[in-house]
Amino acid sequence: MYEKLLLNGKQTGYEAAKETGISRSNVYGALAALVEKGAAHVVEGTAKKYMPVPLEEFLENYMKKLEKEKSWLLANIPSAKTEEEGYITIEGVQNVYNKMTNLLLRAKERVYVSCSRTCLESLRQELETLLAKGKRVVVVTDYPAVLKGAEVYVADDRGSQIGIIVDSVYVLSGEYGDGSMNTCLYSGQSNFVKLFKSAMANEIKLITLQGGKIK
């Protein structure tokens, strides 16, 4: 309904119903909801009309509202217990991507990332943000990536396999990308983190011996 208002300009409920082919009762309900959410204004006159709020203005107002709600939640909701034990399965391409980016943005000191070119490029913004803040970024990938300030090691084809270590505390490992299961294991279990970190360190040593480090 909002899209129709943006395309057609201000309309009465009758005009909107005629334009969309939706029953008037449903149209009036949808228009009232748009007004309530700040996406439309009511223009009083001979016939009540609904005028769309410009998209940019609506989005700015919505983002301000979200920021206020975020601030309130952070101030009033108890912090989650530190994730130390156990293993969590993350499934679905968007969920895995969200976990990767959130992990990177929470890094306090350093991150180790092992993934394919495609995956690395999808994380470039987050990695560049960490580098700009002076965090250590170590990357193992399958092409000579240019990532200023990062330690880059070129290895064999990574395929859909990914591995991320954050601050030597959290690990995300599994598959991500087209044609994969898009399933990862996430854990802060200390023994698992140590084993994963040791395996990646050994791979980095081997790559270095073979001349695969980009300086």
C-alpha atoms as a PDB file:
ATOM      1  CA  MET A   1       0.000   0.000   0.000  1.00  0.00           C
ATOM      2  CA  TYR A   2       2.836   2.398   0.831  1.00  0.00           C
ATOM      3  CA  GLU A   3       4.415   1.683  -2.548  1.00  0.00           C
ATOM      4  CA  LYS A   4       1.126   2.503  -4.284  1.00  0.00           C
ATOM      5  CA  LEU A   5       0.881   5.817  -2.452  1.00  0.00           C
ATOM      6  CA  LEU A   6       4.436   6.683  -3.447  1.00  0.00           C
ATOM      7  CA  LEU A   7       3.598   5.930  -7.083  1.00  0.00           C
ATOM      8  CA  ASN A   8       0.193   7.634  -7.214  1.00  0.00           C
ATOM      9  CA  GLY A   9       0.462  10.415  -4.646  1.00  0.00           C
ATOM     10  CA  LYS A  10      -2.277  11.256  -2.171  1.00  0.00           C
ATOM     11  CA  GLN A  11      -5.452   9.207  -2.538  1.00  0.00           C
ATOM     12  CA  THR A  12      -8.727   8.560  -0.798  1.00  0.00           C
ATOM     13  CA  GLY A  13      -9.418   5.123   0.565  1.00  0.00           C
ATOM     14  CA  TYR A  14     -11.881   4.568  -2.270  1.00  0.00           C
ATOM     15  CA  GLU A  15      -9.289   5.499  -4.901  1.00  0.00           C
ATOM     16  CA  ALA A  16      -6.692   3.258  -3.302  1.00  0.00           C
ATOM     17  CA  ALA A  17      -9.138   0.337  -3.182  1.00  0.00           C
ATOM     18  CA  LYS A  18     -10.058   0.848  -6.831  1.00  0.00           C
ATOM     19  CA  GLU A  19      -6.394   1.089  -7.833  1.00  0.00           C
ATOM     20  CA  THR A  20      -5.281  -2.029  -5.957  1.00  0.00           C
ATOM     21  CA  GLY A  21      -8.386  -4.186  -6.287  1.00  0.00           C
ATOM     22  CA  ILE A  22      -8.360  -4.762  -2.530  1.00  0.00           C
ATOM     23  CA  SER A  23     -11.575  -4.474  -0.530  1.00  0.00           C
ATOM     24  CA  ARG A  24     -12.215  -1.038   0.962  1.00  0.00           C
ATOM     25  CA  SER A  25     -12.289  -2.398   4.513  1.00  0.00           C
ATOM     26  CA  ASN A  26      -8.808  -3.883   4.108  1.00  0.00           C
ATOM     27  CA  VAL A  27      -7.499  -0.779   2.361  1.00  0.00           C
ATOM     28  CA  TYR A  28      -8.707   1.529   5.126  1.00  0.00           C
ATOM     29  CA  GLY A  29      -7.099  -0.754   7.687  1.00  0.00           C
ATOM     30  CA  ALA A  30      -3.809  -0.688   5.784  1.00  0.00           C
ATOM     31  CA  LEU A  31      -3.912   3.098   5.383  1.00  0.00           C
ATOM     32  CA  ALA A  32      -4.622   3.568   9.091  1.00  0.00           C
ATOM     33  CA  ALA A  33      -1.637   1.341   9.874  1.00  0.00           C
ATOM     34  CA  LEU A  34       0.593   3.448   7.595  1.00  0.00           C
ATOM     35  CA  VAL A  35      -0.490   6.601   9.417  1.00  0.00           C
ATOM     36  CA  GLU A  36       0.159   4.965  12.794  1.00  0.00           C
ATOM     37  CA  LYS A  37       3.647   3.867  11.708  1.00  0.00           C
ATOM     38  CA  GLY A  38       4.510   7.296  10.333  1.00  0.00           C
ATOM     39  CA  ALA A  39       4.542   6.263   6.670  1.00  0.00           C
ATOM     40  CA  ALA A  40       1.581   8.436   5.663  1.00  0.00           C
ATOM     41  CA  HIS A  41      -0.288  11.585   6.681  1.00  0.00           C
ATOM     42  CA  VAL A  42      -4.007  12.302   6.562  1.00  0.00           C
ATOM     43  CA  VAL A  43      -5.030  15.273   4.417  1.00  0.00           C
ATOM     44  CA  GLU A  44      -8.385  16.595   5.575  1.00  0.00           C
ATOM     45  CA  GLY A  45     -10.764  18.045   3.005  1.00  0.00           C
ATOM     46  CA  THR A  46     -14.036  17.303   1.276  1.00  0.00           C
ATOM     47  CA  ALA A  47     -12.812  13.734   1.213  1.00  0.00           C
ATOM     48  CA  LYS A  48     -10.129  12.395   3.524  1.00  0.00           C
ATOM     49  CA  LYS A  49      -6.970  11.592   1.592  1.00  0.00           C
ATOM     50  CA  TYR A  50      -3.773   9.812   2.539  1.00  0.00           C
ATOM     51  CA  MET A  51      -0.429  11.272   1.518  1.00  0.00           C
ATOM     52  CA  PRO A  52       2.787   9.208   1.690  1.00  0.00           C
ATOM     53  CA  VAL A  53       5.697  10.435   3.780  1.00  0.00           C
ATOM     54  CA  PRO A  54       8.763  10.638   1.470  1.00  0.00           C
ATOM     55  CA  LEU A  55      10.715   7.387   1.639  1.00  0.00           C
ATOM     56  CA  GLU A  56      13.965   8.959   2.865  1.00  0.00           C
ATOM     57  CA  GLU A  57      12.150  10.855   5.632  1.00  0.00           C
ATOM     58  CA  PHE A  58      10.236   7.747   6.701  1.00  0.00           C
ATOM     59  CA  LEU A  59      13.419   5.651   6.845  1.00  0.00           C
ATOM     60  CA  GLU A  60      15.280   8.318   8.829  1.00  0.00           C
ATOM     61  CA  ASN A  61      12.445   8.524  11.343  1.00  0.00           C
ATOM     62  CA  TYR A  62      12.276   4.737  11.592  1.00  0.00           C
ATOM     63  CA  MET A  63      16.025   4.443  12.180  1.00  0.00           C
ATOM     64  CA  LYS A  64      15.842   7.101  14.916  1.00  0.00           C
ATOM     65  CA  LYS A  65      13.090   5.098  16.581  1.00  0.00           C
ATOM     66  CA  LEU A  66      15.157   1.902  16.391  1.00  0.00           C
ATOM     67  CA  GLU A  67      18.187   3.657  17.892  1.00  0.00           C
ATOM     68  CA  LYS A  68      16.075   4.895  20.808  1.00  0.00           C
ATOM     69  CA  GLU A  69      14.682   1.407  21.377  1.00  0.00           C
ATOM     70  CA  LYS A  70      18.177  -0.065  21.163  1.00  0.00           C
ATOM     71  CA  SER A  71      19.467   2.408  23.767  1.00  0.00           C
ATOM     72  CA  TRP A  72      16.576   1.595  26.094  1.00  0.00           C
ATOM     73  CA  LEU A  73      17.086  -2.160  25.740  1.00  0.00           C
ATOM     74  CA  LEU A  74      20.822  -1.917  26.352  1.00  0.00           C
ATOM     75  CA  ALA A  75      20.203   0.167  29.454  1.00  0.00           C
ATOM     76  CA  ASN A  76      17.396  -1.938  30.898  1.00  0.00           C
ATOM     77  CA  ILE A  77      17.778  -5.555  29.788  1.00  0.00           C
ATOM     78  CA  PRO A  78      20.282  -7.680  31.780  1.00  0.00           C
ATOM     79  CA  SER A  79      23.403  -8.664  29.860  1.00  0.00           C
ATOM     80  CA  ALA A  80      23.555 -12.231  28.611  1.00  0.00           C
ATOM     81  CA  LYS A  81      25.809 -14.614  30.477  1.00  0.00           C
ATOM     82  CA  THR A  82      29.221 -14.940  28.852  1.00  0.00           C
ATOM     83  CA  GLU A  83      29.145 -17.769  26.310  1.00  0.00           C
ATOM     84  CA  GLU A  84      31.798 -20.194  27.496  1.00  0.00           C
ATOM     85  CA  GLU A  85      30.522 -23.741  27.399  1.00  0.00           C
ATOM     86  CA  GLY A  86      28.614 -25.687  24.794  1.00  0.00           C
ATOM     87  CA  TYR A  87      28.258 -25.629  21.043  1.00  0.00           C
ATOM     88  CA  ILE A  88      25.660 -23.735  19.056  1.00  0.00           C
ATOM     89  CA  THR A  89      24.593 -24.653  15.530  1.00  0.00           C
ATOM     90  CA  ILE A  90      23.973 -21.710  13.214  1.00  0.00           C
ATOM     91  CA  GLU A  91      21.924 -22.609  10.132  1.00  0.00           C
ATOM     92  CA  GLY A  92      20.924 -20.644   7.037  1.00  0.00           C
ATOM     93  CA  VAL A  93      22.941 -18.355   4.792  1.00  0.00           C
ATOM     94  CA  GLN A  94      21.689 -15.109   6.365  1.00  0.00           C
ATOM     95  CA  ASN A  95      22.062 -16.387   9.924  1.00  0.00           C
ATOM     96  CA  VAL A  96      25.638 -17.526   9.281  1.00  0.00           C
ATOM     97  CA  TYR A  97      26.480 -14.208   7.634  1.00  0.00           C
ATOM     98  CA  ASN A  98      24.969 -12.262  10.532  1.00  0.00           C
ATOM     99  CA  LYS A  99      26.971 -14.317  13.036  1.00  0.00           C
ATOM    100  CA  MET A 100      30.214 -13.737  11.122  1.00  0.00           C
ATOM    101  CA  THR A 101      29.765  -9.976  10.911  1.00  0.00           C
ATOM    102  CA  ASN A 102      28.586  -9.626  14.506  1.00  0.00           C
ATOM    103  CA  LEU A 103      31.550 -11.649  15.751  1.00  0.00           C
ATOM    104  CA  LEU A 104      34.000  -9.495  13.828  1.00  0.00           C
ATOM    105  CA  LEU A 105      32.451  -6.240  14.995  1.00  0.00           C
ATOM    106  CA  ARG A 106      32.679  -7.409  18.633  1.00  0.00           C
ATOM    107  CA  ALA A 107      36.400  -8.193  18.394  1.00  0.00           C
ATOM    108  CA  LYS A 108      38.486  -6.351  20.978  1.00  0.00           C
ATOM    109  CA  GLU A 109      42.014  -7.296  19.936  1.00  0.00           C
ATOM    110  CA  ARG A 110      42.402  -9.678  17.004  1.00  0.00           C
ATOM    111  CA  VAL A 111      40.663 -11.934  14.520  1.00  0.00           C
ATOM    112  CA  TYR A 112      41.756 -14.884  12.412  1.00  0.00           C
ATOM    113  CA  VAL A 113      39.707 -15.589   9.300  1.00  0.00           C
ATOM    114  CA  SER A 114      39.992 -18.568   6.961  1.00  0.00           C
ATOM    115  CA  CYS A 115      37.660 -18.503   3.964  1.00  0.00           C
ATOM    116  CA  SER A 116      37.275 -18.258   0.198  1.00  0.00           C
ATOM    117  CA  ARG A 117      37.636 -15.141  -1.899  1.00  0.00           C
ATOM    118  CA  THR A 118      33.864 -14.686  -2.174  1.00  0.00           C
ATOM    119  CA  CYS A 119      33.368 -14.969   1.566  1.00  0.00           C
ATOM    120  CA  LEU A 120      36.286 -12.652   2.312  1.00  0.00           C
ATOM    121  CA  GLU A 121      34.950  -9.958   0.013  1.00  0.00           C
ATOM    122  CA  SER A 122      31.581 -10.120   1.778  1.00  0.00           C
ATOM    123  CA  LEU A 123      33.408  -9.416   5.063  1.00  0.00           C
ATOM    124  CA  ARG A 124      35.736  -6.733   3.700  1.00  0.00           C
ATOM    125  CA  GLN A 125      33.911  -3.804   5.282  1.00  0.00           C
ATOM    126  CA  GLU A 126      33.993  -5.340   8.763  1.00  0.00           C
ATOM    127  CA  LEU A 127      37.668  -6.298   8.426  1.00  0.00           C
ATOM    128  CA  GLU A 128      38.646  -2.839   7.199  1.00  0.00           C
ATOM    129  CA  THR A 129      36.790  -1.332  10.160  1.00  0.00           C
ATOM    130  CA  LEU A 130      38.828  -3.508  12.541  1.00  0.00           C
ATOM    131  CA  LEU A 131      42.083  -2.554  10.817  1.00  0.00           C
ATOM    132  CA  ALA A 132      41.196   1.131  11.032  1.00  0.00           C
ATOM    133  CA  LYS A 133      40.786   0.664  14.796  1.00  0.00           C
ATOM    134  CA  GLY A 134      44.229  -0.903  15.070  1.00  0.00           C
ATOM    135  CA  LYS A 135      43.053  -4.481  15.610  1.00  0.00           C
ATOM    136  CA  ARG A 136      45.125  -7.390  14.340  1.00  0.00           C
ATOM    137  CA  VAL A 137      43.597  -9.155  11.347  1.00  0.00           C
ATOM    138  CA  VAL A 138      45.025 -12.437  10.035  1.00  0.00           C
ATOM    139  CA  VAL A 139      43.527 -13.893   6.862  1.00  0.00           C
ATOM    140  CA  VAL A 140      43.978 -17.300   5.235  1.00  0.00           C
ATOM    141  CA  THR A 141      42.356 -17.350   1.809  1.00  0.00           C
ATOM    142  CA  ASP A 142      42.745 -18.727  -1.695  1.00  0.00           C
ATOM    143  CA  TYR A 143      43.790 -15.590  -3.577  1.00  0.00           C
ATOM    144  CA  PRO A 144      46.272 -12.738  -3.044  1.00  0.00           C
ATOM    145  CA  ALA A 145      43.839 -10.435  -1.288  1.00  0.00           C
ATOM    146  CA  VAL A 146      44.719  -6.772  -0.892  1.00  0.00           C
ATOM    147  CA  LEU A 147      43.736  -5.786   2.626  1.00  0.00           C
ATOM    148  CA  LYS A 148      45.967  -3.005   3.883  1.00  0.00           C
ATOM    149  CA  GLY A 149      47.293  -3.682   7.367  1.00  0.00           C
ATOM    150  CA  ALA A 150      46.211  -7.327   7.475  1.00  0.00           C
ATOM    151  CA  GLU A 151      48.425 -10.407   7.491  1.00  0.00           C
ATOM    152  CA  VAL A 152      47.345 -12.370   4.421  1.00  0.00           C
ATOM    153  CA  TYR A 153      48.282 -15.992   3.702  1.00  0.00           C
ATOM    154  CA  VAL A 154      47.426 -17.579   0.347  1.00  0.00           C
ATOM    155  CA  ALA A 155      46.523 -21.257   0.595  1.00  0.00           C
ATOM    156  CA  ASP A 156      44.676 -23.903  -1.395  1.00  0.00           C
ATOM    157  CA  ASP A 157      41.073 -23.473  -2.480  1.00  0.00           C
ATOM    158  CA  ARG A 158      38.947 -22.856   0.591  1.00  0.00           C
ATOM    159  CA  GLY A 159      35.727 -23.959  -1.084  1.00  0.00           C
ATOM    160  CA  SER A 160      32.784 -23.309   1.206  1.00  0.00           C
ATOM    161  CA  GLN A 161      34.764 -23.890   4.410  1.00  0.00           C
ATOM    162  CA  ILE A 162      35.037 -20.988   6.839  1.00  0.00           C
ATOM    163  CA  GLY A 163      36.786 -20.553  10.159  1.00  0.00           C
ATOM    164  CA  ILE A 164      36.838 -17.471  12.368  1.00  0.00           C
ATOM    165  CA  ILE A 165      38.602 -17.009  15.704  1.00  0.00           C
ATOM    166  CA  VAL A 166      37.883 -13.861  17.691  1.00  0.00           C
ATOM    167  CA  ASP A 167      40.128 -12.768  20.560  1.00  0.00           C
ATOM    168  CA  SER A 168      41.120 -16.417  21.134  1.00  0.00           C
ATOM    169  CA  VAL A 169      37.763 -16.749  22.885  1.00  0.00           C
ATOM    170  CA  TYR A 170      35.158 -17.586  20.238  1.00  0.00           C
ATOM    171  CA  VAL A 171      35.207 -19.810  17.151  1.00  0.00           C
ATOM    172  CA  LEU A 172      32.837 -20.088  14.214  1.00  0.00           C
ATOM    173  CA  SER A 173      33.509 -23.012  11.873  1.00  0.00           C
ATOM    174  CA  GLY A 174      31.593 -24.692   9.083  1.00  0.00           C
ATOM    175  CA  GLU A 175      30.235 -24.099   5.590  1.00  0.00           C
ATOM    176  CA  TYR A 176      29.006 -20.895   4.003  1.00  0.00           C
ATOM    177  CA  GLY A 177      28.143 -19.860   0.463  1.00  0.00           C
ATOM    178  CA  ASP A 178      26.351 -21.019  -2.659  1.00  0.00           C
ATOM    179  CA  GLY A 179      26.040 -24.761  -2.981  1.00  0.00           C
ATOM    180  CA  SER A 180      26.950 -25.430   0.642  1.00  0.00           C
ATOM    181  CA  MET A 181      24.957 -26.521   3.691  1.00  0.00           C
ATOM    182  CA  ASN A 182      25.324 -23.025   5.188  1.00  0.00           C
ATOM    183  CA  THR A 183      25.716 -24.552   8.624  1.00  0.00           C
ATOM    184  CA  CYS A 184      28.304 -23.561  11.219  1.00  0.00           C
ATOM    185  CA  LEU A 185      29.303 -24.507  14.729  1.00  0.00           C
ATOM    186  CA  TYR A 186      29.795 -21.617  17.129  1.00  0.00           C
ATOM    187  CA  SER A 187      31.478 -22.055  20.503  1.00  0.00           C
ATOM    188  CA  GLY A 188      33.359 -20.362  23.276  1.00  0.00           C
ATOM    189  CA  GLN A 189      34.364 -23.702  24.792  1.00  0.00           C
ATOM    190  CA  SER A 190      38.010 -23.217  25.720  1.00  0.00           C
ATOM    191  CA  ASN A 191      39.338 -26.627  24.622  1.00  0.00           C
ATOM    192  CA  PHE A 192      37.645 -26.364  21.242  1.00  0.00           C
ATOM    193  CA  VAL A 193      38.995 -22.850  20.744  1.00  0.00           C
ATOM    194  CA  LYS A 194      42.531 -23.983  21.619  1.00  0.00           C
ATOM    195  CA  LEU A 195      42.383 -26.921  19.198  1.00  0.00           C
ATOM    196  CA  PHE A 196      41.014 -24.789  16.387  1.00  0.00           C
ATOM    197  CA  LYS A 197      43.567 -22.056  17.000  1.00  0.00           C
ATOM    198  CA  SER A 198      46.397 -24.598  17.040  1.00  0.00           C
ATOM    199  CA  ALA A 199      45.244 -26.109  13.740  1.00  0.00           C
ATOM    200  CA  MET A 200      45.098 -22.702  12.070  1.00  0.00           C
ATOM    201  CA  ALA A 201      48.507 -21.722  13.484  1.00  0.00           C
ATOM    202  CA  ASN A 202      50.043 -24.901  12.049  1.00  0.00           C
ATOM    203  CA  GLU A 203      48.486 -24.197   8.651  1.00  0.00           C
ATOM    204  CA  ILE A 204      49.870 -20.656   8.707  1.00  0.00           C
ATOM    205  CA  LYS A 205      53.361 -21.970   9.523  1.00  0.00           C
ATOM    206  CA  LEU A 206      53.182 -24.366   6.575  1.00  0.00           C
ATOM    207  CA  ILE A 207      51.969 -21.629   4.218  1.00  0.00           C
ATOM    208  CA  THR A 208      54.826 -19.386   5.370  1.00  0.00           C
ATOM    209  CA  LEU A 209      57.396 -22.116   4.697  1.00  0.00           C
ATOM    210  CA  GLN A 210      55.953 -22.496   1.207  1.00  0.00           C
ATOM    211  CA  GLY A 211      56.192 -18.759   0.575  1.00  0.00           C
ATOM    212  CA  GLY A 212      52.472 -18.127   0.651  1.00  0.00           C
ATOM    213  CA  LYS A 213      52.477 -15.087   2.918  1.00  0.00           C
ATOM    214  CA  ILE A 214      51.750 -11.686   1.376  1.00  0.00           C
ATOM    215  CA  LYS A 215      53.854  -8.978   2.996  1.00  0.00           C
END
